[in-house]
């Protein structure tokens, strides 16, 4: 019988799966993407990039193993319910649901761009355009407040700071609880008519 001394996993409050595409229109967005130590989730209307160390207690070596991989939102939602991640390999994450009597479960993961032609969108380009665009605070913007609520819930943050982006109507979202602005988020413009 193997006893795990410490539980390594994503926080059960890391609800990134809620921000992924669930309708099947943009298949790559059905996945949480891991890149350069960050977890990225988007449904095409909202986008969040959060350092894995903020939403997990994984060791640095495991964080590096996740780089370049995709986890389907349905798999991610099951994974965060597990007590501990035991191993991360090229195409599977093995976890267990009980630290005293572990029953191992393997979850499939994909390599970005190599399997089924899924390649995640260029999230860096979107954020760079938004975070470095000139601001015009006199413009009115419209956005779905549920999207802001979902962003906060995904990373267990409660005090969003929103900044309109006057150039394209998008909204940059930061969080008061993250004083170094390591979590980057955006809400894309909502089209509406008078």
Foldseek 3Di string as FASTA:
>chain_A
DAADPAAWAFALLQLLQVAAADPPPQVLQQWFAQAPQWTWHHHPFKIKTARRVLGIVDDPVVSVLRHQKIAGSVLNNVRNQARHFDDRDNFWTWTFRDNVDGDIDIGTMGGACPPPRHHDDPVVVVQVCQVPADADVVDDADDDVVSVVVVCSNSVADAWDWGARVPQRKIWIAGPVCVVRNMTMIGHGDDDDD
